[in-house]
Amino acid sequence: MQNAMSRRLQKELDSMKKSFANEFNIQLPKNEISHWIIGFEGAKGTLYEGEKFELQFKFPNNYVEAFILIQLLFL
């Protein structure tokens, strides 16, 4: 299942980089596809304008299975 997870995450990462290249800076520490750090600035016109933020995502090995299950539950 590791390969399916890696393929899915790579597809989502490529899509995000393409669609939001100007808004987000995405890093993969140690070049691990299952660990993302996404940097961005606060929205213009808000209290957070100009502030820098980072979100860290660590995806479990069963990410694809959990993602499919969540989709089925909310259809």
PDB file of N, CA and C in Angstrom:
ATOM      1  N   MET A   1       0.818  -1.201   0.000  1.00  0.00           N
ATOM      2  CA  MET A   1       0.000   0.000   0.000  1.00  0.00           C
ATOM      3  C   MET A   1       0.860   1.263   0.000  1.00  0.00           C
ATOM      4  N   GLN A   2       2.087   1.141   0.412  1.00  0.00           N
ATOM      5  CA  GLN A   2       2.986   2.295   0.437  1.00  0.00           C
ATOM      6  C   GLN A   2       3.098   2.953  -0.927  1.00  0.00           C
ATOM      7  N   ASN A   3       3.158   2.171  -2.001  1.00  0.00           N
ATOM      8  CA  ASN A   3       3.268   2.742  -3.331  1.00  0.00           C
ATOM      9  C   ASN A   3       2.022   3.511  -3.715  1.00  0.00           C
ATOM     10  N   ALA A   4       0.844   3.002  -3.378  1.00  0.00           N
ATOM     11  CA  ALA A   4      -0.407   3.706  -3.672  1.00  0.00           C
ATOM     12  C   ALA A   4      -0.458   5.023  -2.919  1.00  0.00           C
ATOM     13  N   MET A   5      -0.023   5.004  -1.663  1.00  0.00           N
ATOM     14  CA  MET A   5      -0.001   6.228  -0.874  1.00  0.00           C
ATOM     15  C   MET A   5       0.948   7.242  -1.502  1.00  0.00           C
ATOM     16  N   SER A   6       2.129   6.811  -1.873  1.00  0.00           N
ATOM     17  CA  SER A   6       3.118   7.710  -2.463  1.00  0.00           C
ATOM     18  C   SER A   6       2.615   8.314  -3.773  1.00  0.00           C
ATOM     19  N   ARG A   7       1.992   7.481  -4.593  1.00  0.00           N
ATOM     20  CA  ARG A   7       1.458   7.981  -5.868  1.00  0.00           C
ATOM     21  C   ARG A   7       0.352   9.007  -5.637  1.00  0.00           C
ATOM     22  N   ARG A   8      -0.535   8.710  -4.698  1.00  0.00           N
ATOM     23  CA  ARG A   8      -1.643   9.628  -4.407  1.00  0.00           C
ATOM     24  C   ARG A   8      -1.126  10.955  -3.873  1.00  0.00           C
ATOM     25  N   LEU A   9      -0.209  10.903  -2.922  1.00  0.00           N
ATOM     26  CA  LEU A   9       0.342  12.131  -2.354  1.00  0.00           C
ATOM     27  C   LEU A   9       1.117  12.929  -3.394  1.00  0.00           C
ATOM     28  N   GLN A  10       1.859  12.248  -4.262  1.00  0.00           N
ATOM     29  CA  GLN A  10       2.608  12.953  -5.310  1.00  0.00           C
ATOM     30  C   GLN A  10       1.647  13.654  -6.266  1.00  0.00           C
ATOM     31  N   LYS A  11       0.546  12.999  -6.606  1.00  0.00           N
ATOM     32  CA  LYS A  11      -0.461  13.594  -7.484  1.00  0.00           C
ATOM     33  C   LYS A  11      -1.058  14.846  -6.837  1.00  0.00           C
ATOM     34  N   GLU A  12      -1.399  14.754  -5.553  1.00  0.00           N
ATOM     35  CA  GLU A  12      -1.969  15.897  -4.844  1.00  0.00           C
ATOM     36  C   GLU A  12      -0.946  17.023  -4.695  1.00  0.00           C
ATOM     37  N   LEU A  13       0.306  16.667  -4.426  1.00  0.00           N
ATOM     38  CA  LEU A  13       1.364  17.659  -4.301  1.00  0.00           C
ATOM     39  C   LEU A  13       1.579  18.398  -5.621  1.00  0.00           C
ATOM     40  N   ASP A  14       1.639  17.665  -6.722  1.00  0.00           N
ATOM     41  CA  ASP A  14       1.819  18.285  -8.039  1.00  0.00           C
ATOM     42  C   ASP A  14       0.668  19.226  -8.363  1.00  0.00           C
ATOM     43  N   SER A  15      -0.542  18.802  -8.057  1.00  0.00           N
ATOM     44  CA  SER A  15      -1.719  19.623  -8.312  1.00  0.00           C
ATOM     45  C   SER A  15      -1.682  20.913  -7.484  1.00  0.00           C
ATOM     46  N   MET A  16      -1.313  20.774  -6.225  1.00  0.00           N
ATOM     47  CA  MET A  16      -1.254  21.932  -5.341  1.00  0.00           C
ATOM     48  C   MET A  16      -0.170  22.915  -5.787  1.00  0.00           C
ATOM     49  N   LYS A  17       0.988  22.388  -6.169  1.00  0.00           N
ATOM     50  CA  LYS A  17       2.074  23.244  -6.640  1.00  0.00           C
ATOM     51  C   LYS A  17       1.672  23.984  -7.909  1.00  0.00           C
ATOM     52  N   LYS A  18       0.939  23.309  -8.785  1.00  0.00           N
ATOM     53  CA  LYS A  18       0.506  23.922 -10.040  1.00  0.00           C
ATOM     54  C   LYS A  18      -0.562  24.992  -9.794  1.00  0.00           C
ATOM     55  N   SER A  19      -1.533  24.683  -8.972  1.00  0.00           N
ATOM     56  CA  SER A  19      -2.665  25.582  -8.751  1.00  0.00           C
ATOM     57  C   SER A  19      -2.363  26.736  -7.804  1.00  0.00           C
ATOM     58  N   PHE A  20      -1.462  26.535  -6.863  1.00  0.00           N
ATOM     59  CA  PHE A  20      -1.231  27.534  -5.826  1.00  0.00           C
ATOM     60  C   PHE A  20       0.236  27.927  -5.694  1.00  0.00           C
ATOM     61  N   ALA A  21       0.954  27.947  -6.801  1.00  0.00           N
ATOM     62  CA  ALA A  21       2.393  28.231  -6.772  1.00  0.00           C
ATOM     63  C   ALA A  21       2.705  29.586  -6.136  1.00  0.00           C
ATOM     64  N   ASN A  22       1.841  30.568  -6.336  1.00  0.00           N
ATOM     65  CA  ASN A  22       2.088  31.915  -5.801  1.00  0.00           C
ATOM     66  C   ASN A  22       1.634  32.086  -4.361  1.00  0.00           C
ATOM     67  N   GLU A  23       0.780  31.194  -3.879  1.00  0.00           N
ATOM     68  CA  GLU A  23       0.231  31.334  -2.530  1.00  0.00           C
ATOM     69  C   GLU A  23       0.945  30.495  -1.474  1.00  0.00           C
ATOM     70  N   PHE A  24       1.447  29.319  -1.882  1.00  0.00           N
ATOM     71  CA  PHE A  24       2.024  28.396  -0.910  1.00  0.00           C
ATOM     72  C   PHE A  24       3.443  27.992  -1.289  1.00  0.00           C
ATOM     73  N   ASN A  25       4.269  27.818  -0.273  1.00  0.00           N
ATOM     74  CA  ASN A  25       5.609  27.280  -0.436  1.00  0.00           C
ATOM     75  C   ASN A  25       5.596  25.901   0.231  1.00  0.00           C
ATOM     76  N   ILE A  26       5.761  24.868  -0.561  1.00  0.00           N
ATOM     77  CA  ILE A  26       5.658  23.506  -0.040  1.00  0.00           C
ATOM     78  C   ILE A  26       7.036  22.869   0.022  1.00  0.00           C
ATOM     79  N   GLN A  27       7.383  22.357   1.198  1.00  0.00           N
ATOM     80  CA  GLN A  27       8.663  21.691   1.396  1.00  0.00           C
ATOM     81  C   GLN A  27       8.418  20.266   1.879  1.00  0.00           C
ATOM     82  N   LEU A  28       9.305  19.381   1.488  1.00  0.00           N
ATOM     83  CA  LEU A  28       9.269  17.995   1.956  1.00  0.00           C
ATOM     84  C   LEU A  28      10.554  17.736   2.745  1.00  0.00           C
ATOM     85  N   PRO A  29      10.487  17.819   4.082  1.00  0.00           N
ATOM     86  CA  PRO A  29      11.686  17.566   4.874  1.00  0.00           C
ATOM     87  C   PRO A  29      12.237  16.162   4.591  1.00  0.00           C
ATOM     88  N   LYS A  30      13.523  16.071   4.452  1.00  0.00           N
ATOM     89  CA  LYS A  30      14.215  14.805   4.157  1.00  0.00           C
ATOM     90  C   LYS A  30      13.673  14.149   2.888  1.00  0.00           C
ATOM     91  N   ASN A  31      13.034  14.958   2.040  1.00  0.00           N
ATOM     92  CA  ASN A  31      12.483  14.492   0.764  1.00  0.00           C
ATOM     93  C   ASN A  31      11.494  13.334   0.938  1.00  0.00           C
ATOM     94  N   GLU A  32      10.732  13.346   2.040  1.00  0.00           N
ATOM     95  CA  GLU A  32       9.737  12.313   2.319  1.00  0.00           C
ATOM     96  C   GLU A  32       8.370  12.791   1.847  1.00  0.00           C
ATOM     97  N   ILE A  33       7.741  12.045   0.954  1.00  0.00           N
ATOM     98  CA  ILE A  33       6.447  12.431   0.395  1.00  0.00           C
ATOM     99  C   ILE A  33       5.353  12.455   1.461  1.00  0.00           C
ATOM    100  N   SER A  34       5.540  11.751   2.564  1.00  0.00           N
ATOM    101  CA  SER A  34       4.514  11.684   3.603  1.00  0.00           C
ATOM    102  C   SER A  34       4.631  12.800   4.644  1.00  0.00           C
ATOM    103  N   HIS A  35       5.535  13.739   4.444  1.00  0.00           N
ATOM    104  CA  HIS A  35       5.731  14.840   5.394  1.00  0.00           C
ATOM    105  C   HIS A  35       5.840  16.147   4.614  1.00  0.00           C
ATOM    106  N   TRP A  36       4.832  16.990   4.760  1.00  0.00           N
ATOM    107  CA  TRP A  36       4.811  18.274   4.060  1.00  0.00           C
ATOM    108  C   TRP A  36       4.857  19.409   5.070  1.00  0.00           C
ATOM    109  N   ILE A  37       5.560  20.471   4.708  1.00  0.00           N
ATOM    110  CA  ILE A  37       5.482  21.730   5.445  1.00  0.00           C
ATOM    111  C   ILE A  37       5.061  22.785   4.428  1.00  0.00           C
ATOM    112  N   ILE A  38       3.922  23.414   4.691  1.00  0.00           N
ATOM    113  CA  ILE A  38       3.357  24.389   3.766  1.00  0.00           C
ATOM    114  C   ILE A  38       3.434  25.764   4.404  1.00  0.00           C
ATOM    115  N   GLY A  39       4.169  26.661   3.754  1.00  0.00           N
ATOM    116  CA  GLY A  39       4.308  28.026   4.226  1.00  0.00           C
ATOM    117  C   GLY A  39       3.425  28.968   3.417  1.00  0.00           C
ATOM    118  N   PHE A  40       2.880  29.980   4.092  1.00  0.00           N
ATOM    119  CA  PHE A  40       2.037  30.964   3.414  1.00  0.00           C
ATOM    120  C   PHE A  40       1.982  32.232   4.249  1.00  0.00           C
ATOM    121  N   GLU A  41       1.522  33.318   3.630  1.00  0.00           N
ATOM    122  CA  GLU A  41       1.362  34.593   4.327  1.00  0.00           C
ATOM    123  C   GLU A  41      -0.104  34.825   4.635  1.00  0.00           C
ATOM    124  N   GLY A  42      -0.347  35.605   5.696  1.00  0.00           N
ATOM    125  CA  GLY A  42      -1.711  35.944   6.066  1.00  0.00           C
ATOM    126  C   GLY A  42      -2.414  36.702   4.948  1.00  0.00           C
ATOM    127  N   ALA A  43      -3.716  36.564   4.881  1.00  0.00           N
ATOM    128  CA  ALA A  43      -4.516  37.177   3.819  1.00  0.00           C
ATOM    129  C   ALA A  43      -4.488  38.702   3.899  1.00  0.00           C
ATOM    130  N   LYS A  44      -4.432  39.317   2.735  1.00  0.00           N
ATOM    131  CA  LYS A  44      -4.453  40.786   2.658  1.00  0.00           C
ATOM    132  C   LYS A  44      -5.769  41.316   3.207  1.00  0.00           C
ATOM    133  N   GLY A  45      -5.675  42.461   3.868  1.00  0.00           N
ATOM    134  CA  GLY A  45      -6.866  43.095   4.416  1.00  0.00           C
ATOM    135  C   GLY A  45      -7.342  42.490   5.726  1.00  0.00           C
ATOM    136  N   THR A  46      -6.526  41.601   6.306  1.00  0.00           N
ATOM    137  CA  THR A  46      -6.905  40.994   7.588  1.00  0.00           C
ATOM    138  C   THR A  46      -5.854  41.336   8.639  1.00  0.00           C
ATOM    139  N   LEU A  47      -6.150  41.014   9.847  1.00  0.00           N
ATOM    140  CA  LEU A  47      -5.226  41.207  10.957  1.00  0.00           C
ATOM    141  C   LEU A  47      -3.917  40.452  10.731  1.00  0.00           C
ATOM    142  N   TYR A  48      -3.959  39.386   9.925  1.00  0.00           N
ATOM    143  CA  TYR A  48      -2.810  38.513   9.700  1.00  0.00           C
ATOM    144  C   TYR A  48      -1.987  38.886   8.465  1.00  0.00           C
ATOM    145  N   GLU A  49      -2.359  39.957   7.786  1.00  0.00           N
ATOM    146  CA  GLU A  49      -1.647  40.372   6.575  1.00  0.00           C
ATOM    147  C   GLU A  49      -0.156  40.555   6.861  1.00  0.00           C
ATOM    148  N   GLY A  50       0.657  39.953   6.006  1.00  0.00           N
ATOM    149  CA  GLY A  50       2.107  40.075   6.127  1.00  0.00           C
ATOM    150  C   GLY A  50       2.748  39.088   7.099  1.00  0.00           C
ATOM    151  N   GLU A  51       1.945  38.449   7.933  1.00  0.00           N
ATOM    152  CA  GLU A  51       2.479  37.453   8.860  1.00  0.00           C
ATOM    153  C   GLU A  51       2.775  36.165   8.101  1.00  0.00           C
ATOM    154  N   LYS A  52       3.786  35.442   8.530  1.00  0.00           N
ATOM    155  CA  LYS A  52       4.151  34.176   7.885  1.00  0.00           C
ATOM    156  C   LYS A  52       3.704  33.013   8.768  1.00  0.00           C
ATOM    157  N   PHE A  53       3.117  32.018   8.109  1.00  0.00           N
ATOM    158  CA  PHE A  53       2.598  30.841   8.804  1.00  0.00           C
ATOM    159  C   PHE A  53       3.140  29.580   8.146  1.00  0.00           C
ATOM    160  N   GLU A  54       3.197  28.516   8.933  1.00  0.00           N
ATOM    161  CA  GLU A  54       3.571  27.199   8.421  1.00  0.00           C
ATOM    162  C   GLU A  54       2.626  26.159   8.994  1.00  0.00           C
ATOM    163  N   LEU A  55       2.182  25.269   8.124  1.00  0.00           N
ATOM    164  CA  LEU A  55       1.394  24.116   8.541  1.00  0.00           C
ATOM    165  C   LEU A  55       2.210  22.871   8.239  1.00  0.00           C
ATOM    166  N   GLN A  56       2.173  21.927   9.151  1.00  0.00           N
ATOM    167  CA  GLN A  56       2.910  20.681   8.954  1.00  0.00           C
ATOM    168  C   GLN A  56       1.911  19.533   8.849  1.00  0.00           C
ATOM    169  N   PHE A  57       2.069  18.725   7.808  1.00  0.00           N
ATOM    170  CA  PHE A  57       1.212  17.568   7.593  1.00  0.00           C
ATOM    171  C   PHE A  57       2.075  16.318   7.568  1.00  0.00           C
ATOM    172  N   LYS A  58       1.671  15.318   8.342  1.00  0.00           N
ATOM    173  CA  LYS A  58       2.315  14.007   8.313  1.00  0.00           C
ATOM    174  C   LYS A  58       1.230  12.993   8.000  1.00  0.00           C
ATOM    175  N   PHE A  59       1.364  12.356   6.844  1.00  0.00           N
ATOM    176  CA  PHE A  59       0.345  11.430   6.371  1.00  0.00           C
ATOM    177  C   PHE A  59       0.692  10.011   6.810  1.00  0.00           C
ATOM    178  N   PRO A  60      -0.277   9.272   7.370  1.00  0.00           N
ATOM    179  CA  PRO A  60      -0.025   7.906   7.805  1.00  0.00           C
ATOM    180  C   PRO A  60       0.066   6.956   6.612  1.00  0.00           C
ATOM    181  N   ASN A  61       0.578   5.775   6.849  1.00  0.00           N
ATOM    182  CA  ASN A  61       0.717   4.778   5.784  1.00  0.00           C
ATOM    183  C   ASN A  61      -0.621   4.359   5.190  1.00  0.00           C
ATOM    184  N   ASN A  62      -1.700   4.475   5.951  1.00  0.00           N
ATOM    185  CA  ASN A  62      -3.015   4.095   5.439  1.00  0.00           C
ATOM    186  C   ASN A  62      -3.780   5.307   4.900  1.00  0.00           C
ATOM    187  N   TYR A  63      -3.080   6.336   4.508  1.00  0.00           N
ATOM    188  CA  TYR A  63      -3.712   7.571   4.037  1.00  0.00           C
ATOM    189  C   TYR A  63      -4.704   7.320   2.910  1.00  0.00           C
ATOM    190  N   VAL A  64      -4.339   6.549   1.919  1.00  0.00           N
ATOM    191  CA  VAL A  64      -5.224   6.307   0.776  1.00  0.00           C
ATOM    192  C   VAL A  64      -6.489   5.593   1.229  1.00  0.00           C
ATOM    193  N   GLU A  65      -6.353   4.590   2.066  1.00  0.00           N
ATOM    194  CA  GLU A  65      -7.509   3.854   2.558  1.00  0.00           C
ATOM    195  C   GLU A  65      -8.428   4.765   3.362  1.00  0.00           C
ATOM    196  N   ALA A  66      -7.867   5.585   4.237  1.00  0.00           N
ATOM    197  CA  ALA A  66      -8.663   6.498   5.049  1.00  0.00           C
ATOM    198  C   ALA A  66      -9.335   7.550   4.170  1.00  0.00           C
ATOM    199  N   PHE A  67      -8.643   8.054   3.152  1.00  0.00           N
ATOM    200  CA  PHE A  67      -9.187   9.054   2.248  1.00  0.00           C
ATOM    201  C   PHE A  67     -10.399   8.491   1.505  1.00  0.00           C
ATOM    202  N   ILE A  68     -10.294   7.277   1.008  1.00  0.00           N
ATOM    203  CA  ILE A  68     -11.399   6.636   0.288  1.00  0.00           C
ATOM    204  C   ILE A  68     -12.581   6.413   1.231  1.00  0.00           C
ATOM    205  N   LEU A  69     -12.316   5.967   2.446  1.00  0.00           N
ATOM    206  CA  LEU A  69     -13.381   5.741   3.416  1.00  0.00           C
ATOM    207  C   LEU A  69     -14.105   7.044   3.735  1.00  0.00           C
ATOM    208  N   ILE A  70     -13.390   8.116   3.936  1.00  0.00           N
ATOM    209  CA  ILE A  70     -14.005   9.422   4.218  1.00  0.00           C
ATOM    210  C   ILE A  70     -14.868   9.861   3.046  1.00  0.00           C
ATOM    211  N   GLN A  71     -14.394   9.681   1.816  1.00  0.00           N
ATOM    212  CA  GLN A  71     -15.181  10.037   0.648  1.00  0.00           C
ATOM    213  C   GLN A  71     -16.490   9.246   0.619  1.00  0.00           C
ATOM    214  N   LEU A  72     -16.430   7.964   0.911  1.00  0.00           N
ATOM    215  CA  LEU A  72     -17.626   7.133   0.890  1.00  0.00           C
ATOM    216  C   LEU A  72     -18.632   7.558   1.952  1.00  0.00           C
ATOM    217  N   LEU A  73     -18.133   7.959   3.113  1.00  0.00           N
ATOM    218  CA  LEU A  73     -19.016   8.359   4.196  1.00  0.00           C
ATOM    219  C   LEU A  73     -19.746   9.659   3.897  1.00  0.00           C
ATOM    220  N   PHE A  74     -19.158  10.524   3.100  1.00  0.00           N
ATOM    221  CA  PHE A  74     -19.761  11.835   2.852  1.00  0.00           C
ATOM    222  C   PHE A  74     -20.413  11.960   1.491  1.00  0.00           C
ATOM    223  N   LEU A  75     -20.601  10.862   0.775  1.00  0.00           N
ATOM    224  CA  LEU A  75     -21.300  10.904  -0.513  1.00  0.00           C
ATOM    225  C   LEU A  75     -22.790  10.945  -0.331  1.00  0.00           C
TER     226      LEU A  75
END
